[in-house]
């Protein structure tokens, strides 16, 4: 999800439009790039643009730009986890060791 709390209310009707576009066809038929119906392609593109705008106001010019942006966000999000994994474990104090043996 985007870093800020997104307003996903605009996505619901777009997602429903994707589901409604051709519910009688198989997934293989619907997602074959050569056979995808035009109306399904259009609702997918509208949904993609709406999701992109949750991450950046201007959207993305290409798939590569989208993926680079998402990986950058992932790296920022996971940086605290990576640094915590590399910290040296703290040893027990001598006082705690004495208390545990008594």
PDB file of N, CA and C in Angstrom:
ATOM      1  N   UNK A   1       0.844  -1.186   0.000  1.00  0.00           N
ATOM      2  CA  UNK A   1       0.000   0.000   0.000  1.00  0.00           C
ATOM      3  C   UNK A   1       0.886   1.246   0.000  1.00  0.00           C
ATOM      4  N   UNK A   2       0.329   2.337  -0.449  1.00  0.00           N
ATOM      5  CA  UNK A   2       1.085   3.587  -0.428  1.00  0.00           C
ATOM      6  C   UNK A   2       1.456   3.976   1.000  1.00  0.00           C
ATOM      7  N   UNK A   3       2.502   4.792   1.154  1.00  0.00           N
ATOM      8  CA  UNK A   3       2.963   5.167   2.496  1.00  0.00           C
ATOM      9  C   UNK A   3       1.907   5.881   3.332  1.00  0.00           C
ATOM     10  N   UNK A   4       1.143   6.786   2.728  1.00  0.00           N
ATOM     11  CA  UNK A   4       0.097   7.486   3.453  1.00  0.00           C
ATOM     12  C   UNK A   4      -1.192   6.671   3.385  1.00  0.00           C
ATOM     13  N   UNK A   5      -2.110   6.968   4.273  1.00  0.00           N
ATOM     14  CA  UNK A   5      -3.404   6.272   4.265  1.00  0.00           C
ATOM     15  C   UNK A   5      -4.159   6.704   3.009  1.00  0.00           C
ATOM     16  N   UNK A   6      -4.302   5.808   2.033  1.00  0.00           N
ATOM     17  CA  UNK A   6      -4.930   6.193   0.766  1.00  0.00           C
ATOM     18  C   UNK A   6      -6.455   6.176   0.830  1.00  0.00           C
ATOM     19  N   UNK A   7      -7.067   6.986  -0.017  1.00  0.00           N
ATOM     20  CA  UNK A   7      -8.514   6.955  -0.200  1.00  0.00           C
ATOM     21  C   UNK A   7      -8.792   5.973  -1.326  1.00  0.00           C
ATOM     22  N   UNK A   8      -9.182   4.776  -0.962  1.00  0.00           N
ATOM     23  CA  UNK A   8      -9.396   3.724  -1.959  1.00  0.00           C
ATOM     24  C   UNK A   8     -10.853   3.650  -2.420  1.00  0.00           C
ATOM     25  N   UNK A   9     -11.665   4.603  -1.989  1.00  0.00           N
ATOM     26  CA  UNK A   9     -13.089   4.572  -2.342  1.00  0.00           C
ATOM     27  C   UNK A   9     -13.311   4.650  -3.851  1.00  0.00           C
ATOM     28  N   UNK A  10     -12.424   5.296  -4.583  1.00  0.00           N
ATOM     29  CA  UNK A  10     -12.569   5.407  -6.038  1.00  0.00           C
ATOM     30  C   UNK A  10     -12.224   4.096  -6.747  1.00  0.00           C
ATOM     31  N   UNK A  11     -11.532   3.204  -6.054  1.00  0.00           N
ATOM     32  CA  UNK A  11     -11.126   1.949  -6.680  1.00  0.00           C
ATOM     33  C   UNK A  11     -12.263   0.940  -6.775  1.00  0.00           C
ATOM     34  N   UNK A  12     -13.168   0.970  -5.824  1.00  0.00           N
ATOM     35  CA  UNK A  12     -14.218  -0.047  -5.783  1.00  0.00           C
ATOM     36  C   UNK A  12     -15.059  -0.097  -7.057  1.00  0.00           C
ATOM     37  N   UNK A  13     -15.584   1.035  -7.551  1.00  0.00           N
ATOM     38  CA  UNK A  13     -16.374   0.933  -8.789  1.00  0.00           C
ATOM     39  C   UNK A  13     -15.532   0.511  -9.996  1.00  0.00           C
ATOM     40  N   UNK A  14     -14.262   0.876 -10.012  1.00  0.00           N
ATOM     41  CA  UNK A  14     -13.391   0.467 -11.113  1.00  0.00           C
ATOM     42  C   UNK A  14     -13.117  -1.032 -11.056  1.00  0.00           C
ATOM     43  N   UNK A  15     -12.881  -1.534  -9.867  1.00  0.00           N
ATOM     44  CA  UNK A  15     -12.655  -2.973  -9.717  1.00  0.00           C
ATOM     45  C   UNK A  15     -13.922  -3.750 -10.097  1.00  0.00           C
ATOM     46  N   UNK A  16     -15.076  -3.229  -9.712  1.00  0.00           N
ATOM     47  CA  UNK A  16     -16.335  -3.891 -10.075  1.00  0.00           C
ATOM     48  C   UNK A  16     -16.534  -3.875 -11.584  1.00  0.00           C
ATOM     49  N   UNK A  17     -16.124  -2.790 -12.237  1.00  0.00           N
ATOM     50  CA  UNK A  17     -16.240  -2.712 -13.700  1.00  0.00           C
ATOM     51  C   UNK A  17     -15.385  -3.779 -14.374  1.00  0.00           C
ATOM     52  N   UNK A  18     -14.211  -4.050 -13.802  1.00  0.00           N
ATOM     53  CA  UNK A  18     -13.357  -5.122 -14.337  1.00  0.00           C
ATOM     54  C   UNK A  18     -14.078  -6.453 -14.212  1.00  0.00           C
ATOM     55  N   UNK A  19     -14.678  -6.689 -13.045  1.00  0.00           N
ATOM     56  CA  UNK A  19     -15.389  -7.954 -12.831  1.00  0.00           C
ATOM     57  C   UNK A  19     -16.600  -8.084 -13.745  1.00  0.00           C
ATOM     58  N   UNK A  20     -17.286  -6.971 -13.983  1.00  0.00           N
ATOM     59  CA  UNK A  20     -18.494  -6.999 -14.800  1.00  0.00           C
ATOM     60  C   UNK A  20     -18.219  -7.032 -16.299  1.00  0.00           C
ATOM     61  N   UNK A  21     -17.002  -6.694 -16.712  1.00  0.00           N
ATOM     62  CA  UNK A  21     -16.703  -6.505 -18.136  1.00  0.00           C
ATOM     63  C   UNK A  21     -17.051  -7.726 -18.984  1.00  0.00           C
ATOM     64  N   UNK A  22     -16.695  -8.898 -18.533  1.00  0.00           N
ATOM     65  CA  UNK A  22     -17.009 -10.117 -19.289  1.00  0.00           C
ATOM     66  C   UNK A  22     -17.009 -11.304 -18.346  1.00  0.00           C
ATOM     67  N   UNK A  23     -17.970 -11.342 -17.479  1.00  0.00           N
ATOM     68  CA  UNK A  23     -17.991 -12.405 -16.476  1.00  0.00           C
ATOM     69  C   UNK A  23     -18.282 -13.784 -17.065  1.00  0.00           C
ATOM     70  N   UNK A  24     -18.731 -13.850 -18.324  1.00  0.00           N
ATOM     71  CA  UNK A  24     -19.054 -15.145 -18.919  1.00  0.00           C
ATOM     72  C   UNK A  24     -17.860 -15.819 -19.601  1.00  0.00           C
ATOM     73  N   UNK A  25     -16.730 -15.123 -19.742  1.00  0.00           N
ATOM     74  CA  UNK A  25     -15.550 -15.677 -20.412  1.00  0.00           C
ATOM     75  C   UNK A  25     -14.593 -16.284 -19.389  1.00  0.00           C
ATOM     76  N   UNK A  26     -13.691 -17.124 -19.860  1.00  0.00           N
ATOM     77  CA  UNK A  26     -12.680 -17.708 -18.966  1.00  0.00           C
ATOM     78  C   UNK A  26     -11.571 -16.691 -18.729  1.00  0.00           C
ATOM     79  N   UNK A  27     -10.823 -16.890 -17.669  1.00  0.00           N
ATOM     80  CA  UNK A  27      -9.685 -15.990 -17.390  1.00  0.00           C
ATOM     81  C   UNK A  27      -8.661 -16.044 -18.511  1.00  0.00           C
ATOM     82  N   UNK A  28      -8.435 -17.231 -19.050  1.00  0.00           N
ATOM     83  CA  UNK A  28      -7.473 -17.368 -20.151  1.00  0.00           C
ATOM     84  C   UNK A  28      -7.905 -16.519 -21.347  1.00  0.00           C
ATOM     85  N   UNK A  29      -9.192 -16.504 -21.638  1.00  0.00           N
ATOM     86  CA  UNK A  29      -9.690 -15.679 -22.744  1.00  0.00           C
ATOM     87  C   UNK A  29      -9.560 -14.194 -22.423  1.00  0.00           C
ATOM     88  N   UNK A  30      -9.901 -13.845 -21.186  1.00  0.00           N
ATOM     89  CA  UNK A  30      -9.918 -12.433 -20.810  1.00  0.00           C
ATOM     90  C   UNK A  30      -8.533 -11.810 -20.745  1.00  0.00           C
ATOM     91  N   UNK A  31      -7.531 -12.596 -20.376  1.00  0.00           N
ATOM     92  CA  UNK A  31      -6.205 -12.027 -20.172  1.00  0.00           C
ATOM     93  C   UNK A  31      -5.212 -12.364 -21.276  1.00  0.00           C
ATOM     94  N   UNK A  32      -5.672 -12.966 -22.326  1.00  0.00           N
ATOM     95  CA  UNK A  32      -4.832 -13.166 -23.506  1.00  0.00           C
ATOM     96  C   UNK A  32      -4.740 -11.804 -24.206  1.00  0.00           C
ATOM     97  N   UNK A  33      -3.539 -11.219 -24.299  1.00  0.00           N
ATOM     98  CA  UNK A  33      -3.407  -9.868 -24.870  1.00  0.00           C
ATOM     99  C   UNK A  33      -3.991  -9.745 -26.280  1.00  0.00           C
ATOM    100  N   UNK A  34      -3.988 -10.831 -27.030  1.00  0.00           N
ATOM    101  CA  UNK A  34      -4.514 -10.777 -28.395  1.00  0.00           C
ATOM    102  C   UNK A  34      -6.035 -10.908 -28.451  1.00  0.00           C
ATOM    103  N   UNK A  35      -6.623 -11.403 -27.372  1.00  0.00           N
ATOM    104  CA  UNK A  35      -8.067 -11.663 -27.386  1.00  0.00           C
ATOM    105  C   UNK A  35      -8.842 -10.864 -26.348  1.00  0.00           C
ATOM    106  N   UNK A  36      -8.154 -10.062 -25.529  1.00  0.00           N
ATOM    107  CA  UNK A  36      -8.839  -9.305 -24.479  1.00  0.00           C
ATOM    108  C   UNK A  36      -9.824  -8.320 -25.112  1.00  0.00           C
ATOM    109  N   UNK A  37     -11.065  -8.359 -24.679  1.00  0.00           N
ATOM    110  CA  UNK A  37     -12.053  -7.422 -25.213  1.00  0.00           C
ATOM    111  C   UNK A  37     -11.660  -5.962 -24.924  1.00  0.00           C
ATOM    112  N   UNK A  38     -11.973  -5.070 -25.849  1.00  0.00           N
ATOM    113  CA  UNK A  38     -11.596  -3.658 -25.702  1.00  0.00           C
ATOM    114  C   UNK A  38     -12.159  -3.032 -24.434  1.00  0.00           C
ATOM    115  N   UNK A  39     -13.414  -3.345 -24.109  1.00  0.00           N
ATOM    116  CA  UNK A  39     -13.991  -2.727 -22.914  1.00  0.00           C
ATOM    117  C   UNK A  39     -13.282  -3.195 -21.648  1.00  0.00           C
ATOM    118  N   UNK A  40     -12.834  -4.438 -21.607  1.00  0.00           N
ATOM    119  CA  UNK A  40     -12.081  -4.925 -20.446  1.00  0.00           C
ATOM    120  C   UNK A  40     -10.721  -4.245 -20.373  1.00  0.00           C
ATOM    121  N   UNK A  41     -10.080  -4.083 -21.501  1.00  0.00           N
ATOM    122  CA  UNK A  41      -8.782  -3.396 -21.533  1.00  0.00           C
ATOM    123  C   UNK A  41      -8.933  -1.968 -21.001  1.00  0.00           C
ATOM    124  N   UNK A  42     -10.007  -1.285 -21.389  1.00  0.00           N
ATOM    125  CA  UNK A  42     -10.232   0.104 -20.955  1.00  0.00           C
ATOM    126  C   UNK A  42     -10.489   0.198 -19.455  1.00  0.00           C
ATOM    127  N   UNK A  43     -11.296  -0.715 -18.899  1.00  0.00           N
ATOM    128  CA  UNK A  43     -11.552  -0.638 -17.455  1.00  0.00           C
ATOM    129  C   UNK A  43     -10.303  -1.021 -16.661  1.00  0.00           C
ATOM    130  N   UNK A  44      -9.498  -1.943 -17.188  1.00  0.00           N
ATOM    131  CA  UNK A  44      -8.224  -2.273 -16.534  1.00  0.00           C
ATOM    132  C   UNK A  44      -7.306  -1.054 -16.528  1.00  0.00           C
ATOM    133  N   UNK A  45      -7.224  -0.361 -17.641  1.00  0.00           N
ATOM    134  CA  UNK A  45      -6.371   0.820 -17.725  1.00  0.00           C
ATOM    135  C   UNK A  45      -6.843   1.902 -16.764  1.00  0.00           C
ATOM    136  N   UNK A  46      -8.153   2.091 -16.642  1.00  0.00           N
ATOM    137  CA  UNK A  46      -8.689   3.079 -15.708  1.00  0.00           C
ATOM    138  C   UNK A  46      -8.350   2.697 -14.266  1.00  0.00           C
ATOM    139  N   UNK A  47      -8.489   1.422 -13.936  1.00  0.00           N
ATOM    140  CA  UNK A  47      -8.144   0.951 -12.593  1.00  0.00           C
ATOM    141  C   UNK A  47      -6.648   1.129 -12.340  1.00  0.00           C
ATOM    142  N   UNK A  48      -5.820   0.781 -13.311  1.00  0.00           N
ATOM    143  CA  UNK A  48      -4.371   0.944 -13.161  1.00  0.00           C
ATOM    144  C   UNK A  48      -4.004   2.409 -12.909  1.00  0.00           C
ATOM    145  N   UNK A  49      -4.619   3.333 -13.655  1.00  0.00           N
ATOM    146  CA  UNK A  49      -4.326   4.761 -13.461  1.00  0.00           C
ATOM    147  C   UNK A  49      -4.737   5.215 -12.065  1.00  0.00           C
ATOM    148  N   UNK A  50      -5.888   4.752 -11.587  1.00  0.00           N
ATOM    149  CA  UNK A  50      -6.362   5.133 -10.255  1.00  0.00           C
ATOM    150  C   UNK A  50      -5.422   4.608  -9.167  1.00  0.00           C
ATOM    151  N   UNK A  51      -4.971   3.376  -9.308  1.00  0.00           N
ATOM    152  CA  UNK A  51      -4.031   2.813  -8.327  1.00  0.00           C
ATOM    153  C   UNK A  51      -2.707   3.572  -8.385  1.00  0.00           C
ATOM    154  N   UNK A  52      -2.224   3.857  -9.592  1.00  0.00           N
ATOM    155  CA  UNK A  52      -0.968   4.611  -9.735  1.00  0.00           C
ATOM    156  C   UNK A  52      -1.042   5.942  -9.008  1.00  0.00           C
ATOM    157  N   UNK A  53      -2.185   6.607  -9.090  1.00  0.00           N
ATOM    158  CA  UNK A  53      -2.317   7.924  -8.453  1.00  0.00           C
ATOM    159  C   UNK A  53      -2.337   7.840  -6.932  1.00  0.00           C
ATOM    160  N   UNK A  54      -2.560   6.658  -6.386  1.00  0.00           N
ATOM    161  CA  UNK A  54      -2.431   6.495  -4.934  1.00  0.00           C
ATOM    162  C   UNK A  54      -0.966   6.606  -4.522  1.00  0.00           C
ATOM    163  N   UNK A  55      -0.078   6.248  -5.427  1.00  0.00           N
ATOM    164  CA  UNK A  55       1.357   6.264  -5.146  1.00  0.00           C
ATOM    165  C   UNK A  55       2.026   7.558  -5.574  1.00  0.00           C
ATOM    166  N   UNK A  56       1.491   8.195  -6.617  1.00  0.00           N
ATOM    167  CA  UNK A  56       2.081   9.433  -7.111  1.00  0.00           C
ATOM    168  C   UNK A  56       1.028  10.189  -7.910  1.00  0.00           C
ATOM    169  N   UNK A  57       0.888  11.481  -7.629  1.00  0.00           N
ATOM    170  CA  UNK A  57      -0.155  12.289  -8.272  1.00  0.00           C
ATOM    171  C   UNK A  57      -0.143  12.201  -9.787  1.00  0.00           C
ATOM    172  N   UNK A  58       1.036  12.195 -10.363  1.00  0.00           N
ATOM    173  CA  UNK A  58       1.142  12.223 -11.822  1.00  0.00           C
ATOM    174  C   UNK A  58       1.058  10.834 -12.445  1.00  0.00           C
ATOM    175  N   UNK A  59       0.996   9.817 -11.641  1.00  0.00           N
ATOM    176  CA  UNK A  59       0.997   8.467 -12.188  1.00  0.00           C
ATOM    177  C   UNK A  59       2.386   8.115 -12.698  1.00  0.00           C
ATOM    178  N   UNK A  60       2.481   7.169 -13.609  1.00  0.00           N
ATOM    179  CA  UNK A  60       3.767   6.704 -14.120  1.00  0.00           C
ATOM    180  C   UNK A  60       3.732   6.690 -15.640  1.00  0.00           C
ATOM    181  N   UNK A  61       4.854   7.034 -16.232  1.00  0.00           N
ATOM    182  CA  UNK A  61       4.950   7.083 -17.689  1.00  0.00           C
ATOM    183  C   UNK A  61       5.163   5.698 -18.292  1.00  0.00           C
ATOM    184  N   UNK A  62       5.664   4.756 -17.490  1.00  0.00           N
ATOM    185  CA  UNK A  62       5.963   3.428 -18.021  1.00  0.00           C
ATOM    186  C   UNK A  62       5.932   2.397 -16.890  1.00  0.00           C
ATOM    187  N   UNK A  63       5.921   1.139 -17.294  1.00  0.00           N
ATOM    188  CA  UNK A  63       5.998   0.044 -16.321  1.00  0.00           C
ATOM    189  C   UNK A  63       7.303   0.128 -15.536  1.00  0.00           C
ATOM    190  N   UNK A  64       8.384   0.420 -16.235  1.00  0.00           N
ATOM    191  CA  UNK A  64       9.688   0.512 -15.582  1.00  0.00           C
ATOM    192  C   UNK A  64       9.690   1.585 -14.502  1.00  0.00           C
ATOM    193  N   UNK A  65       9.114   2.746 -14.813  1.00  0.00           N
ATOM    194  CA  UNK A  65       9.048   3.829 -13.837  1.00  0.00           C
ATOM    195  C   UNK A  65       8.228   3.410 -12.619  1.00  0.00           C
ATOM    196  N   UNK A  66       7.133   2.708 -12.857  1.00  0.00           N
ATOM    197  CA  UNK A  66       6.282   2.225 -11.763  1.00  0.00           C
ATOM    198  C   UNK A  66       7.058   1.256 -10.879  1.00  0.00           C
ATOM    199  N   UNK A  67       7.717   0.284 -11.493  1.00  0.00           N
ATOM    200  CA  UNK A  67       8.452  -0.731 -10.728  1.00  0.00           C
ATOM    201  C   UNK A  67       9.597  -0.094  -9.948  1.00  0.00           C
ATOM    202  N   UNK A  68      10.328   0.831 -10.558  1.00  0.00           N
ATOM    203  CA  UNK A  68      11.421   1.509  -9.851  1.00  0.00           C
ATOM    204  C   UNK A  68      10.897   2.260  -8.637  1.00  0.00           C
ATOM    205  N   UNK A  69       9.779   2.942  -8.795  1.00  0.00           N
ATOM    206  CA  UNK A  69       9.186   3.689  -7.685  1.00  0.00           C
ATOM    207  C   UNK A  69       8.753   2.745  -6.560  1.00  0.00           C
ATOM    208  N   UNK A  70       8.116   1.649  -6.924  1.00  0.00           N
ATOM    209  CA  UNK A  70       7.653   0.701  -5.906  1.00  0.00           C
ATOM    210  C   UNK A  70       8.819   0.034  -5.180  1.00  0.00           C
ATOM    211  N   UNK A  71       9.896  -0.281  -5.899  1.00  0.00           N
ATOM    212  CA  UNK A  71      11.067  -0.853  -5.230  1.00  0.00           C
ATOM    213  C   UNK A  71      11.722   0.163  -4.299  1.00  0.00           C
ATOM    214  N   UNK A  72      11.736   1.449  -4.696  1.00  0.00           N
ATOM    215  CA  UNK A  72      12.282   2.481  -3.825  1.00  0.00           C
ATOM    216  C   UNK A  72      11.467   2.555  -2.529  1.00  0.00           C
ATOM    217  N   UNK A  73      10.150   2.510  -2.644  1.00  0.00           N
ATOM    218  CA  UNK A  73       9.303   2.523  -1.451  1.00  0.00           C
ATOM    219  C   UNK A  73       9.552   1.290  -0.585  1.00  0.00           C
ATOM    220  N   UNK A  74       9.718   0.151  -1.232  1.00  0.00           N
ATOM    221  CA  UNK A  74       9.990  -1.083  -0.497  1.00  0.00           C
ATOM    222  C   UNK A  74      11.314  -0.985   0.260  1.00  0.00           C
ATOM    223  N   UNK A  75      12.332  -0.439  -0.398  1.00  0.00           N
ATOM    224  CA  UNK A  75      13.625  -0.292   0.264  1.00  0.00           C
ATOM    225  C   UNK A  75      13.529   0.616   1.477  1.00  0.00           C
ATOM    226  N   UNK A  76      12.795   1.721   1.368  1.00  0.00           N
ATOM    227  CA  UNK A  76      12.609   2.622   2.509  1.00  0.00           C
ATOM    228  C   UNK A  76      11.867   1.920   3.639  1.00  0.00           C
ATOM    229  N   UNK A  77      10.845   1.158   3.264  1.00  0.00           N
ATOM    230  CA  UNK A  77      10.033   0.468   4.256  1.00  0.00           C
ATOM    231  C   UNK A  77      10.837  -0.623   4.965  1.00  0.00           C
ATOM    232  N   UNK A  78      11.677  -1.325   4.231  1.00  0.00           N
ATOM    233  CA  UNK A  78      12.383  -2.458   4.816  1.00  0.00           C
ATOM    234  C   UNK A  78      13.727  -2.081   5.444  1.00  0.00           C
ATOM    235  N   UNK A  79      14.191  -0.852   5.259  1.00  0.00           N
ATOM    236  CA  UNK A  79      15.489  -0.434   5.809  1.00  0.00           C
ATOM    237  C   UNK A  79      15.572  -0.631   7.324  1.00  0.00           C
ATOM    238  N   UNK A  80      14.564  -0.231   8.114  1.00  0.00           N
ATOM    239  CA  UNK A  80      14.661  -0.457   9.564  1.00  0.00           C
ATOM    240  C   UNK A  80      14.768  -1.938   9.918  1.00  0.00           C
ATOM    241  N   UNK A  81      14.108  -2.787   9.159  1.00  0.00           N
ATOM    242  CA  UNK A  81      14.184  -4.227   9.429  1.00  0.00           C
ATOM    243  C   UNK A  81      15.580  -4.766   9.145  1.00  0.00           C
ATOM    244  N   UNK A  82      16.162  -4.308   8.039  1.00  0.00           N
ATOM    245  CA  UNK A  82      17.504  -4.770   7.685  1.00  0.00           C
ATOM    246  C   UNK A  82      18.529  -4.322   8.716  1.00  0.00           C
ATOM    247  N   UNK A  83      18.430  -3.065   9.167  1.00  0.00           N
ATOM    248  CA  UNK A  83      19.411  -2.590  10.139  1.00  0.00           C
ATOM    249  C   UNK A  83      19.239  -3.309  11.477  1.00  0.00           C
ATOM    250  N   UNK A  84      18.016  -3.626  11.853  1.00  0.00           N
ATOM    251  CA  UNK A  84      17.784  -4.356  13.099  1.00  0.00           C
ATOM    252  C   UNK A  84      18.363  -5.758  13.029  1.00  0.00           C
ATOM    253  N   UNK A  85      18.345  -6.356  11.853  1.00  0.00           N
ATOM    254  CA  UNK A  85      18.890  -7.704  11.700  1.00  0.00           C
ATOM    255  C   UNK A  85      20.410  -7.714  11.830  1.00  0.00           C
ATOM    256  N   UNK A  86      21.047  -6.598  11.496  1.00  0.00           N
ATOM    257  CA  UNK A  86      22.496  -6.536  11.528  1.00  0.00           C
ATOM    258  C   UNK A  86      23.057  -6.026  12.859  1.00  0.00           C
ATOM    259  N   UNK A  87      22.190  -5.598  13.757  1.00  0.00           N
ATOM    260  CA  UNK A  87      22.659  -5.141  15.063  1.00  0.00           C
ATOM    261  C   UNK A  87      23.163  -6.338  15.859  1.00  0.00           C
ATOM    262  N   UNK A  88      24.183  -6.096  16.652  1.00  0.00           N
ATOM    263  CA  UNK A  88      24.706  -7.157  17.501  1.00  0.00           C
ATOM    264  C   UNK A  88      23.723  -7.423  18.624  1.00  0.00           C
ATOM    265  N   UNK A  89      23.483  -8.679  18.925  1.00  0.00           N
ATOM    266  CA  UNK A  89      22.581  -8.972  20.047  1.00  0.00           C
ATOM    267  C   UNK A  89      23.211  -8.501  21.344  1.00  0.00           C
ATOM    268  N   UNK A  90      22.388  -7.962  22.178  1.00  0.00           N
ATOM    269  CA  UNK A  90      22.892  -7.466  23.464  1.00  0.00           C
ATOM    270  C   UNK A  90      22.997  -8.632  24.436  1.00  0.00           C
ATOM    271  N   UNK A  91      24.126  -8.706  25.091  1.00  0.00           N
ATOM    272  CA  UNK A  91      24.326  -9.774  26.066  1.00  0.00           C
ATOM    273  C   UNK A  91      23.593  -9.486  27.357  1.00  0.00           C
ATOM    274  N   UNK A  92      23.439 -10.492  28.123  1.00  0.00           N
ATOM    275  CA  UNK A  92      22.787 -10.330  29.418  1.00  0.00           C
ATOM    276  C   UNK A  92      23.758  -9.681  30.373  1.00  0.00           C
ATOM    277  N   UNK A  93      23.254  -8.844  31.231  1.00  0.00           N
ATOM    278  CA  UNK A  93      24.122  -8.195  32.213  1.00  0.00           C
ATOM    279  C   UNK A  93      24.528  -9.223  33.269  1.00  0.00           C
ATOM    280  N   UNK A  94      25.636  -8.954  33.934  1.00  0.00           N
ATOM    281  CA  UNK A  94      26.101  -9.865  34.986  1.00  0.00           C
ATOM    282  C   UNK A  94      25.067  -9.984  36.100  1.00  0.00           C
ATOM    283  N   UNK A  95      24.378  -8.878  36.377  1.00  0.00           N
ATOM    284  CA  UNK A  95      23.362  -8.900  37.427  1.00  0.00           C
ATOM    285  C   UNK A  95      22.259  -9.892  37.070  1.00  0.00           C
ATOM    286  N   UNK A  96      21.780  -9.874  35.819  1.00  0.00           N
ATOM    287  CA  UNK A  96      20.724 -10.779  35.395  1.00  0.00           C
ATOM    288  C   UNK A  96      21.215 -12.219  35.425  1.00  0.00           C
ATOM    289  N   UNK A  97      22.480 -12.422  35.085  1.00  0.00           N
ATOM    290  CA  UNK A  97      23.035 -13.764  35.111  1.00  0.00           C
ATOM    291  C   UNK A  97      23.047 -14.300  36.547  1.00  0.00           C
ATOM    292  N   UNK A  98      23.473 -13.449  37.510  1.00  0.00           N
ATOM    293  CA  UNK A  98      23.497 -13.867  38.912  1.00  0.00           C
ATOM    294  C   UNK A  98      22.105 -14.188  39.426  1.00  0.00           C
ATOM    295  N   UNK A  99      21.109 -13.331  39.044  1.00  0.00           N
ATOM    296  CA  UNK A  99      19.738 -13.552  39.509  1.00  0.00           C
ATOM    297  C   UNK A  99      19.160 -14.855  38.945  1.00  0.00           C
ATOM    298  N   UNK A 100      19.517 -15.178  37.717  1.00  0.00           N
ATOM    299  CA  UNK A 100      18.954 -16.380  37.117  1.00  0.00           C
ATOM    300  C   UNK A 100      19.573 -17.664  37.682  1.00  0.00           C
ATOM    301  N   UNK A 101      20.770 -17.587  38.259  1.00  0.00           N
ATOM    302  CA  UNK A 101      21.402 -18.773  38.821  1.00  0.00           C
ATOM    303  C   UNK A 101      21.053 -18.961  40.288  1.00  0.00           C
ATOM    304  N   UNK A 102      20.409 -17.991  40.879  1.00  0.00           N
ATOM    305  CA  UNK A 102      20.092 -18.108  42.309  1.00  0.00           C
ATOM    306  C   UNK A 102      18.774 -18.767  42.545  1.00  0.00           C
TER     307      UNK A 102
END
